[in-house]
C-alpha cells in the first residue's frame, strides 16, 4: 500500500488538487492506515513513526493545557521585560568602569543608568560545563541558601509554565550588621537558545507574600545571568551576572557599592566550591 500512499501524497502537493477537500481527507486516512500497518507488522515502531506520534501527542497535550490566568500572564510579561531590559544593558559596552579585579581574573564592573541607577556586572569563568552550572542555578535554586552564606533562603512561591517562577528570597545581614536583613519577591524567567542560557528577573508584588517582620523589603531588577560555553573549551562556562538592587533604608552610597560588588565576588567563589563538591 505504501507506493499508493506515496502517489496520493504527491497528488495533493499540486495546488489545484490540494484544494479538493475529499482528496485531502482520503490522503489523511491513507497515511493514518499506513502508519498503523507499519507499527503492527514490526517489532517496534520505526524512528520516524515514533517521532510523528510523539509530536502529535505533545501537540494534543499542549492543546489540553489550561490557559494562564490574567495575573499569570502579567508575571510572564514581567519576566520577559526583565530579560529584554537586562540584555539591552549588557549589549551596551560603553561607560563600564572597573570596580574589582580578583587574582583569579574575576571582574566586577559598574555603570550608572538614568532610568535604573547604578548596575554591577560580574564576569567570571567557571571550570564546569554549562549544563552543570545551569542545573545548580535553575533546577536547584532553592538550595542556594545551603552554599551561599549571603543568602538565607530562596523559596519558589509559584511556577508558571516551564520558564517562569515567583520566588521569595531572604538575604543574610552583612558582617557587623552594616546592612540588615533584606528580602525580595521576584519574578524570574529562564531561556535557552542554542548554547546560550539567560536567567532574568525583577521585583514584583505577590499577594500571598506581604512584607515580613524583621526584614526590609528591597527591590531588584532588571537583573540577569548569561551562561555560555567558553570558546575553545566547552567544558568551561563563561558567566555574566548583571545586578541591579535598591536595598532601601538609609544607607550611604559608598557602603551600598562596596556591599554589592563584594556580594558578586563572593557568589563566584561559593558557586565554584559548590560545583566542585
C-alpha atoms as a PDB file:
ATOM      1  CA  UNK A   1       0.000   0.000   0.000  1.00  0.00           C
ATOM      2  CA  UNK A   2       2.952   2.319   0.603  1.00  0.00           C
ATOM      3  CA  UNK A   3       3.513   3.147  -3.121  1.00  0.00           C
ATOM      4  CA  UNK A   4      -0.162   4.050  -3.476  1.00  0.00           C
ATOM      5  CA  UNK A   5       0.026   6.242  -0.390  1.00  0.00           C
ATOM      6  CA  UNK A   6       3.094   7.981  -1.779  1.00  0.00           C
ATOM      7  CA  UNK A   7       1.294   8.715  -5.059  1.00  0.00           C
ATOM      8  CA  UNK A   8      -1.682  10.091  -3.185  1.00  0.00           C
ATOM      9  CA  UNK A   9       0.537  12.391  -1.117  1.00  0.00           C
ATOM     10  CA  UNK A  10       2.313  13.526  -4.261  1.00  0.00           C
ATOM     11  CA  UNK A  11      -1.012  14.280  -5.931  1.00  0.00           C
ATOM     12  CA  UNK A  12      -2.189  16.646  -3.201  1.00  0.00           C
ATOM     13  CA  UNK A  13       1.071  18.597  -3.470  1.00  0.00           C
ATOM     14  CA  UNK A  14      -0.356  20.173  -6.640  1.00  0.00           C
ATOM     15  CA  UNK A  15      -2.304  23.305  -5.815  1.00  0.00           C
ATOM     16  CA  UNK A  16      -5.418  22.539  -7.925  1.00  0.00           C
ATOM     17  CA  UNK A  17      -5.688  19.077  -6.336  1.00  0.00           C
ATOM     18  CA  UNK A  18      -4.826  20.235  -2.832  1.00  0.00           C
ATOM     19  CA  UNK A  19      -7.971  22.367  -2.816  1.00  0.00           C
ATOM     20  CA  UNK A  20     -10.174  19.295  -3.257  1.00  0.00           C
ATOM     21  CA  UNK A  21     -11.488  18.533   0.239  1.00  0.00           C
ATOM     22  CA  UNK A  22     -12.319  14.918  -0.475  1.00  0.00           C
ATOM     23  CA  UNK A  23      -8.841  14.173  -1.777  1.00  0.00           C
ATOM     24  CA  UNK A  24      -7.222  15.735   1.287  1.00  0.00           C
ATOM     25  CA  UNK A  25      -9.419  13.627   3.557  1.00  0.00           C
ATOM     26  CA  UNK A  26      -8.581  10.494   1.585  1.00  0.00           C
ATOM     27  CA  UNK A  27      -4.857  11.229   1.899  1.00  0.00           C
ATOM     28  CA  UNK A  28      -5.125  11.742   5.656  1.00  0.00           C
ATOM     29  CA  UNK A  29      -6.974   8.437   6.099  1.00  0.00           C
ATOM     30  CA  UNK A  30      -4.430   6.598   3.928  1.00  0.00           C
ATOM     31  CA  UNK A  31      -1.466   7.964   5.879  1.00  0.00           C
ATOM     32  CA  UNK A  32      -3.086   7.020   9.188  1.00  0.00           C
ATOM     33  CA  UNK A  33      -3.783   3.457   7.979  1.00  0.00           C
ATOM     34  CA  UNK A  34      -0.243   3.084   6.684  1.00  0.00           C
ATOM     35  CA  UNK A  35       1.271   4.203   9.995  1.00  0.00           C
ATOM     36  CA  UNK A  36      -0.891   1.688  11.870  1.00  0.00           C
ATOM     37  CA  UNK A  37       0.044  -1.121   9.449  1.00  0.00           C
ATOM     38  CA  UNK A  38       3.774  -0.445   9.781  1.00  0.00           C
ATOM     39  CA  UNK A  39       3.512  -0.303  13.538  1.00  0.00           C
ATOM     40  CA  UNK A  40       1.635  -3.622  13.756  1.00  0.00           C
ATOM     41  CA  UNK A  41       3.987  -5.548  11.396  1.00  0.00           C
ATOM     42  CA  UNK A  42       7.273  -4.652  13.041  1.00  0.00           C
ATOM     43  CA  UNK A  43       8.710  -5.422  16.484  1.00  0.00           C
ATOM     44  CA  UNK A  44       8.603  -1.747  17.324  1.00  0.00           C
ATOM     45  CA  UNK A  45       7.720   1.487  15.536  1.00  0.00           C
ATOM     46  CA  UNK A  46      10.471   2.899  13.397  1.00  0.00           C
ATOM     47  CA  UNK A  47      12.158   6.093  14.481  1.00  0.00           C
ATOM     48  CA  UNK A  48      10.212   8.361  12.195  1.00  0.00           C
ATOM     49  CA  UNK A  49       6.852   6.849  13.154  1.00  0.00           C
ATOM     50  CA  UNK A  50       7.716   7.283  16.805  1.00  0.00           C
ATOM     51  CA  UNK A  51       8.623  10.921  16.180  1.00  0.00           C
ATOM     52  CA  UNK A  52       5.356  11.583  14.350  1.00  0.00           C
ATOM     53  CA  UNK A  53       3.335  10.069  17.181  1.00  0.00           C
ATOM     54  CA  UNK A  54       5.371  11.825  19.836  1.00  0.00           C
ATOM     55  CA  UNK A  55       4.895  15.221  18.204  1.00  0.00           C
ATOM     56  CA  UNK A  56       1.194  14.544  17.839  1.00  0.00           C
ATOM     57  CA  UNK A  57       0.977  13.578  21.498  1.00  0.00           C
ATOM     58  CA  UNK A  58       2.854  16.707  22.535  1.00  0.00           C
ATOM     59  CA  UNK A  59       0.559  18.851  20.430  1.00  0.00           C
ATOM     60  CA  UNK A  60      -2.517  17.239  21.966  1.00  0.00           C
ATOM     61  CA  UNK A  61      -1.204  17.757  25.489  1.00  0.00           C
ATOM     62  CA  UNK A  62      -0.497  21.404  24.755  1.00  0.00           C
ATOM     63  CA  UNK A  63      -3.998  21.903  23.405  1.00  0.00           C
ATOM     64  CA  UNK A  64      -5.387  20.365  26.594  1.00  0.00           C
ATOM     65  CA  UNK A  65      -3.343  22.635  28.881  1.00  0.00           C
ATOM     66  CA  UNK A  66      -5.351  25.143  30.865  1.00  0.00           C
ATOM     67  CA  UNK A  67      -4.756  28.718  29.730  1.00  0.00           C
ATOM     68  CA  UNK A  68      -2.896  31.035  32.072  1.00  0.00           C
ATOM     69  CA  UNK A  69      -4.877  33.438  34.189  1.00  0.00           C
ATOM     70  CA  UNK A  70      -4.642  37.171  33.609  1.00  0.00           C
ATOM     71  CA  UNK A  71      -2.398  37.528  36.661  1.00  0.00           C
ATOM     72  CA  UNK A  72      -0.103  34.715  35.498  1.00  0.00           C
ATOM     73  CA  UNK A  73       0.165  36.317  32.072  1.00  0.00           C
ATOM     74  CA  UNK A  74       1.222  39.576  33.736  1.00  0.00           C
ATOM     75  CA  UNK A  75       4.026  37.715  35.549  1.00  0.00           C
ATOM     76  CA  UNK A  76       5.164  36.095  32.311  1.00  0.00           C
ATOM     77  CA  UNK A  77       5.279  39.520  30.666  1.00  0.00           C
ATOM     78  CA  UNK A  78       7.241  40.959  33.616  1.00  0.00           C
ATOM     79  CA  UNK A  79       9.807  38.182  33.301  1.00  0.00           C
ATOM     80  CA  UNK A  80      10.164  38.800  29.568  1.00  0.00           C
ATOM     81  CA  UNK A  81      10.504  42.543  30.215  1.00  0.00           C
ATOM     82  CA  UNK A  82      13.288  41.894  32.738  1.00  0.00           C
ATOM     83  CA  UNK A  83      15.082  39.694  30.221  1.00  0.00           C
ATOM     84  CA  UNK A  84      14.878  42.223  27.388  1.00  0.00           C
ATOM     85  CA  UNK A  85      15.938  45.168  29.568  1.00  0.00           C
ATOM     86  CA  UNK A  86      18.867  43.227  31.013  1.00  0.00           C
ATOM     87  CA  UNK A  87      20.148  42.171  27.618  1.00  0.00           C
ATOM     88  CA  UNK A  88      19.934  45.734  26.309  1.00  0.00           C
ATOM     89  CA  UNK A  89      22.053  46.913  29.250  1.00  0.00           C
ATOM     90  CA  UNK A  90      24.666  44.214  28.665  1.00  0.00           C
ATOM     91  CA  UNK A  91      24.787  44.845  24.923  1.00  0.00           C
ATOM     92  CA  UNK A  92      25.852  48.452  25.508  1.00  0.00           C
ATOM     93  CA  UNK A  93      29.612  48.150  26.069  1.00  0.00           C
ATOM     94  CA  UNK A  94      30.196  51.867  26.708  1.00  0.00           C
ATOM     95  CA  UNK A  95      30.961  53.571  30.048  1.00  0.00           C
ATOM     96  CA  UNK A  96      31.581  50.465  32.161  1.00  0.00           C
ATOM     97  CA  UNK A  97      34.067  51.172  34.974  1.00  0.00           C
ATOM     98  CA  UNK A  98      36.108  48.562  36.813  1.00  0.00           C
ATOM     99  CA  UNK A  99      35.146  48.097  40.470  1.00  0.00           C
ATOM    100  CA  UNK A 100      37.132  44.982  41.409  1.00  0.00           C
ATOM    101  CA  UNK A 101      39.542  42.557  39.761  1.00  0.00           C
ATOM    102  CA  UNK A 102      40.341  39.386  41.717  1.00  0.00           C
ATOM    103  CA  UNK A 103      43.588  37.478  41.464  1.00  0.00           C
ATOM    104  CA  UNK A 104      41.885  34.670  39.525  1.00  0.00           C
ATOM    105  CA  UNK A 105      40.587  37.069  36.877  1.00  0.00           C
ATOM    106  CA  UNK A 106      37.065  37.544  38.235  1.00  0.00           C
ATOM    107  CA  UNK A 107      35.983  41.075  37.429  1.00  0.00           C
ATOM    108  CA  UNK A 108      33.216  43.397  38.625  1.00  0.00           C
ATOM    109  CA  UNK A 109      32.312  46.450  36.540  1.00  0.00           C
ATOM    110  CA  UNK A 110      29.654  49.112  37.006  1.00  0.00           C
ATOM    111  CA  UNK A 111      27.853  51.925  35.240  1.00  0.00           C
ATOM    112  CA  UNK A 112      25.106  54.401  36.067  1.00  0.00           C
ATOM    113  CA  UNK A 113      21.918  54.364  34.002  1.00  0.00           C
ATOM    114  CA  UNK A 114      19.461  57.278  34.069  1.00  0.00           C
ATOM    115  CA  UNK A 115      16.337  55.149  34.490  1.00  0.00           C
ATOM    116  CA  UNK A 116      17.805  52.364  36.647  1.00  0.00           C
ATOM    117  CA  UNK A 117      20.637  53.761  38.749  1.00  0.00           C
ATOM    118  CA  UNK A 118      23.941  52.012  39.336  1.00  0.00           C
ATOM    119  CA  UNK A 119      24.241  48.484  37.992  1.00  0.00           C
ATOM    120  CA  UNK A 120      27.025  45.956  38.532  1.00  0.00           C
ATOM    121  CA  UNK A 121      28.348  43.343  36.131  1.00  0.00           C
ATOM    122  CA  UNK A 122      30.312  40.251  37.147  1.00  0.00           C
ATOM    123  CA  UNK A 123      32.461  38.457  34.550  1.00  0.00           C
ATOM    124  CA  UNK A 124      33.861  35.044  35.527  1.00  0.00           C
ATOM    125  CA  UNK A 125      34.829  31.688  34.032  1.00  0.00           C
ATOM    126  CA  UNK A 126      33.724  28.549  35.871  1.00  0.00           C
ATOM    127  CA  UNK A 127      35.529  25.244  35.338  1.00  0.00           C
ATOM    128  CA  UNK A 128      32.305  23.304  34.849  1.00  0.00           C
ATOM    129  CA  UNK A 129      30.157  22.614  31.740  1.00  0.00           C
ATOM    130  CA  UNK A 130      27.165  24.849  31.099  1.00  0.00           C
ATOM    131  CA  UNK A 131      24.531  22.225  31.926  1.00  0.00           C
ATOM    132  CA  UNK A 132      26.043  21.711  35.376  1.00  0.00           C
ATOM    133  CA  UNK A 133      26.041  25.435  36.154  1.00  0.00           C
ATOM    134  CA  UNK A 134      22.533  25.870  34.731  1.00  0.00           C
ATOM    135  CA  UNK A 135      21.219  22.972  36.799  1.00  0.00           C
ATOM    136  CA  UNK A 136      22.607  24.436  40.006  1.00  0.00           C
ATOM    137  CA  UNK A 137      21.275  27.951  39.395  1.00  0.00           C
ATOM    138  CA  UNK A 138      17.858  26.993  37.977  1.00  0.00           C
ATOM    139  CA  UNK A 139      16.851  23.450  38.901  1.00  0.00           C
ATOM    140  CA  UNK A 140      18.387  23.684  42.382  1.00  0.00           C
ATOM    141  CA  UNK A 141      17.764  27.371  43.100  1.00  0.00           C
ATOM    142  CA  UNK A 142      16.005  26.610  46.398  1.00  0.00           C
ATOM    143  CA  UNK A 143      19.248  25.089  47.686  1.00  0.00           C
ATOM    144  CA  UNK A 144      21.236  28.301  47.242  1.00  0.00           C
ATOM    145  CA  UNK A 145      21.000  29.076  50.932  1.00  0.00           C
ATOM    146  CA  UNK A 146      22.945  25.851  51.620  1.00  0.00           C
ATOM    147  CA  UNK A 147      26.103  27.075  49.895  1.00  0.00           C
ATOM    148  CA  UNK A 148      25.925  30.873  49.636  1.00  0.00           C
ATOM    149  CA  UNK A 149      26.247  32.478  53.084  1.00  0.00           C
ATOM    150  CA  UNK A 150      24.881  35.768  51.714  1.00  0.00           C
ATOM    151  CA  UNK A 151      21.529  34.036  51.160  1.00  0.00           C
ATOM    152  CA  UNK A 152      19.351  32.749  53.977  1.00  0.00           C
ATOM    153  CA  UNK A 153      16.639  31.214  51.840  1.00  0.00           C
ATOM    154  CA  UNK A 154      15.214  31.013  48.326  1.00  0.00           C
ATOM    155  CA  UNK A 155      11.689  29.661  48.043  1.00  0.00           C
ATOM    156  CA  UNK A 156       9.587  29.148  44.934  1.00  0.00           C
ATOM    157  CA  UNK A 157       6.103  30.540  45.577  1.00  0.00           C
ATOM    158  CA  UNK A 158       4.562  29.658  42.213  1.00  0.00           C
ATOM    159  CA  UNK A 159       5.594  28.039  38.939  1.00  0.00           C
ATOM    160  CA  UNK A 160       4.017  29.389  35.769  1.00  0.00           C
ATOM    161  CA  UNK A 161       4.612  27.183  32.773  1.00  0.00           C
ATOM    162  CA  UNK A 162       8.114  25.859  32.123  1.00  0.00           C
ATOM    163  CA  UNK A 163      10.126  29.064  32.254  1.00  0.00           C
ATOM    164  CA  UNK A 164       8.618  31.451  34.836  1.00  0.00           C
ATOM    165  CA  UNK A 165       8.605  31.309  38.647  1.00  0.00           C
ATOM    166  CA  UNK A 166       7.743  33.654  41.505  1.00  0.00           C
ATOM    167  CA  UNK A 167      10.304  33.472  44.322  1.00  0.00           C
ATOM    168  CA  UNK A 168      10.843  34.834  47.816  1.00  0.00           C
ATOM    169  CA  UNK A 169      14.468  35.395  48.764  1.00  0.00           C
ATOM    170  CA  UNK A 170      15.881  36.265  52.170  1.00  0.00           C
ATOM    171  CA  UNK A 171      19.334  37.870  52.188  1.00  0.00           C
ATOM    172  CA  UNK A 172      21.544  37.493  55.234  1.00  0.00           C
ATOM    173  CA  UNK A 173      22.747  40.549  57.135  1.00  0.00           C
ATOM    174  CA  UNK A 174      26.284  41.661  56.285  1.00  0.00           C
ATOM    175  CA  UNK A 175      29.093  41.198  58.852  1.00  0.00           C
ATOM    176  CA  UNK A 176      28.692  43.705  61.651  1.00  0.00           C
ATOM    177  CA  UNK A 177      25.065  44.189  60.561  1.00  0.00           C
ATOM    178  CA  UNK A 178      26.145  47.153  58.418  1.00  0.00           C
ATOM    179  CA  UNK A 179      23.305  46.187  56.093  1.00  0.00           C
ATOM    180  CA  UNK A 180      20.480  44.444  57.938  1.00  0.00           C
ATOM    181  CA  UNK A 181      18.378  41.551  56.631  1.00  0.00           C
ATOM    182  CA  UNK A 182      16.596  42.182  53.342  1.00  0.00           C
ATOM    183  CA  UNK A 183      14.056  40.157  51.443  1.00  0.00           C
ATOM    184  CA  UNK A 184      12.821  40.198  47.847  1.00  0.00           C
ATOM    185  CA  UNK A 185       9.805  38.950  45.949  1.00  0.00           C
ATOM    186  CA  UNK A 186      10.820  38.370  42.346  1.00  0.00           C
ATOM    187  CA  UNK A 187       9.543  37.056  39.047  1.00  0.00           C
ATOM    188  CA  UNK A 188      12.202  35.008  37.254  1.00  0.00           C
ATOM    189  CA  UNK A 189      12.310  33.559  33.771  1.00  0.00           C
ATOM    190  CA  UNK A 190      14.840  31.295  32.072  1.00  0.00           C
ATOM    191  CA  UNK A 191      15.561  30.920  28.364  1.00  0.00           C
ATOM    192  CA  UNK A 192      17.842  28.554  26.469  1.00  0.00           C
ATOM    193  CA  UNK A 193      18.752  29.403  22.898  1.00  0.00           C
ATOM    194  CA  UNK A 194      21.333  27.099  21.375  1.00  0.00           C
ATOM    195  CA  UNK A 195      24.420  27.184  23.571  1.00  0.00           C
ATOM    196  CA  UNK A 196      23.376  30.331  25.486  1.00  0.00           C
ATOM    197  CA  UNK A 197      21.255  30.403  28.648  1.00  0.00           C
ATOM    198  CA  UNK A 198      19.734  33.535  30.156  1.00  0.00           C
ATOM    199  CA  UNK A 199      18.241  33.716  33.658  1.00  0.00           C
ATOM    200  CA  UNK A 200      16.468  37.034  34.220  1.00  0.00           C
ATOM    201  CA  UNK A 201      14.345  38.588  36.930  1.00  0.00           C
ATOM    202  CA  UNK A 202      12.932  41.659  38.616  1.00  0.00           C
ATOM    203  CA  UNK A 203      10.943  42.554  41.709  1.00  0.00           C
ATOM    204  CA  UNK A 204       7.201  42.048  41.702  1.00  0.00           C
ATOM    205  CA  UNK A 205       4.270  42.013  44.101  1.00  0.00           C
ATOM    206  CA  UNK A 206       2.636  38.790  45.252  1.00  0.00           C
ATOM    207  CA  UNK A 207      -0.423  38.907  47.478  1.00  0.00           C
ATOM    208  CA  UNK A 208       0.474  35.751  49.394  1.00  0.00           C
ATOM    209  CA  UNK A 209       3.871  37.172  50.424  1.00  0.00           C
ATOM    210  CA  UNK A 210       3.452  40.520  52.205  1.00  0.00           C
ATOM    211  CA  UNK A 211       6.366  42.276  53.916  1.00  0.00           C
ATOM    212  CA  UNK A 212       7.959  40.110  56.606  1.00  0.00           C
ATOM    213  CA  UNK A 213       8.733  41.148  60.163  1.00  0.00           C
ATOM    214  CA  UNK A 214      12.456  41.623  60.719  1.00  0.00           C
ATOM    215  CA  UNK A 215      13.205  42.213  57.022  1.00  0.00           C
ATOM    216  CA  UNK A 216      13.281  45.320  54.844  1.00  0.00           C
ATOM    217  CA  UNK A 217      11.577  44.606  51.520  1.00  0.00           C
ATOM    218  CA  UNK A 218      14.207  45.572  48.930  1.00  0.00           C
ATOM    219  CA  UNK A 219      13.808  45.682  45.146  1.00  0.00           C
ATOM    220  CA  UNK A 220      15.897  44.219  42.368  1.00  0.00           C
ATOM    221  CA  UNK A 221      15.981  44.342  38.637  1.00  0.00           C
ATOM    222  CA  UNK A 222      16.285  44.232  35.905  1.00  0.00           C
ATOM    223  CA  UNK A 223      18.884  41.576  36.606  1.00  0.00           C
ATOM    224  CA  UNK A 224      20.112  38.511  34.742  1.00  0.00           C
ATOM    225  CA  UNK A 225      22.780  35.847  34.406  1.00  0.00           C
ATOM    226  CA  UNK A 226      24.063  34.808  30.994  1.00  0.00           C
ATOM    227  CA  UNK A 227      25.777  31.420  30.631  1.00  0.00           C
ATOM    228  CA  UNK A 228      27.836  30.470  27.570  1.00  0.00           C
ATOM    229  CA  UNK A 229      30.445  27.767  26.902  1.00  0.00           C
ATOM    230  CA  UNK A 230      33.939  29.229  26.859  1.00  0.00           C
ATOM    231  CA  UNK A 231      35.076  29.414  23.220  1.00  0.00           C
ATOM    232  CA  UNK A 232      37.520  26.592  22.514  1.00  0.00           C
ATOM    233  CA  UNK A 233      36.820  24.980  25.895  1.00  0.00           C
ATOM    234  CA  UNK A 234      33.248  23.650  26.031  1.00  0.00           C
ATOM    235  CA  UNK A 235      33.777  22.047  29.448  1.00  0.00           C
ATOM    236  CA  UNK A 236      34.087  25.541  30.978  1.00  0.00           C
ATOM    237  CA  UNK A 237      31.401  28.217  31.271  1.00  0.00           C
ATOM    238  CA  UNK A 238      31.554  31.984  30.996  1.00  0.00           C
ATOM    239  CA  UNK A 239      29.105  33.546  33.454  1.00  0.00           C
ATOM    240  CA  UNK A 240      27.987  37.177  33.252  1.00  0.00           C
ATOM    241  CA  UNK A 241      25.829  38.484  36.105  1.00  0.00           C
ATOM    242  CA  UNK A 242      24.056  41.831  35.806  1.00  0.00           C
ATOM    243  CA  UNK A 243      22.997  43.036  39.263  1.00  0.00           C
ATOM    244  CA  UNK A 244      20.650  45.944  39.946  1.00  0.00           C
ATOM    245  CA  UNK A 245      19.351  46.364  43.516  1.00  0.00           C
ATOM    246  CA  UNK A 246      17.692  49.047  45.592  1.00  0.00           C
ATOM    247  CA  UNK A 247      18.406  47.991  49.172  1.00  0.00           C
ATOM    248  CA  UNK A 248      16.040  50.619  50.611  1.00  0.00           C
ATOM    249  CA  UNK A 249      16.654  52.157  54.002  1.00  0.00           C
ATOM    250  CA  UNK A 250      19.160  54.885  54.874  1.00  0.00           C
ATOM    251  CA  UNK A 251      22.499  53.644  53.565  1.00  0.00           C
ATOM    252  CA  UNK A 252      25.448  55.676  52.218  1.00  0.00           C
ATOM    253  CA  UNK A 253      26.145  55.003  48.544  1.00  0.00           C
ATOM    254  CA  UNK A 254      29.741  54.066  49.331  1.00  0.00           C
ATOM    255  CA  UNK A 255      28.510  51.271  51.605  1.00  0.00           C
ATOM    256  CA  UNK A 256      25.992  50.046  49.013  1.00  0.00           C
ATOM    257  CA  UNK A 257      28.597  49.969  46.240  1.00  0.00           C
ATOM    258  CA  UNK A 258      31.078  48.083  48.397  1.00  0.00           C
ATOM    259  CA  UNK A 259      28.489  45.543  49.572  1.00  0.00           C
ATOM    260  CA  UNK A 260      27.078  44.794  46.111  1.00  0.00           C
ATOM    261  CA  UNK A 261      30.418  44.383  44.350  1.00  0.00           C
ATOM    262  CA  UNK A 262      31.696  42.154  47.182  1.00  0.00           C
ATOM    263  CA  UNK A 263      28.474  40.127  47.015  1.00  0.00           C
ATOM    264  CA  UNK A 264      29.202  39.283  43.392  1.00  0.00           C
ATOM    265  CA  UNK A 265      32.814  38.301  44.086  1.00  0.00           C
ATOM    266  CA  UNK A 266      31.695  36.108  46.995  1.00  0.00           C
ATOM    267  CA  UNK A 267      28.992  34.495  44.846  1.00  0.00           C
ATOM    268  CA  UNK A 268      31.540  33.348  42.269  1.00  0.00           C
ATOM    269  CA  UNK A 269      33.760  31.859  44.990  1.00  0.00           C
ATOM    270  CA  UNK A 270      30.939  29.983  46.702  1.00  0.00           C
ATOM    271  CA  UNK A 271      29.494  28.759  43.390  1.00  0.00           C
ATOM    272  CA  UNK A 272      32.833  27.217  42.450  1.00  0.00           C
ATOM    273  CA  UNK A 273      33.057  25.497  45.817  1.00  0.00           C
ATOM    274  CA  UNK A 274      29.544  24.130  45.428  1.00  0.00           C
ATOM    275  CA  UNK A 275      30.168  22.801  41.916  1.00  0.00           C
ATOM    276  CA  UNK A 276      33.474  21.240  42.971  1.00  0.00           C
ATOM    277  CA  UNK A 277      31.586  19.125  45.507  1.00  0.00           C
END
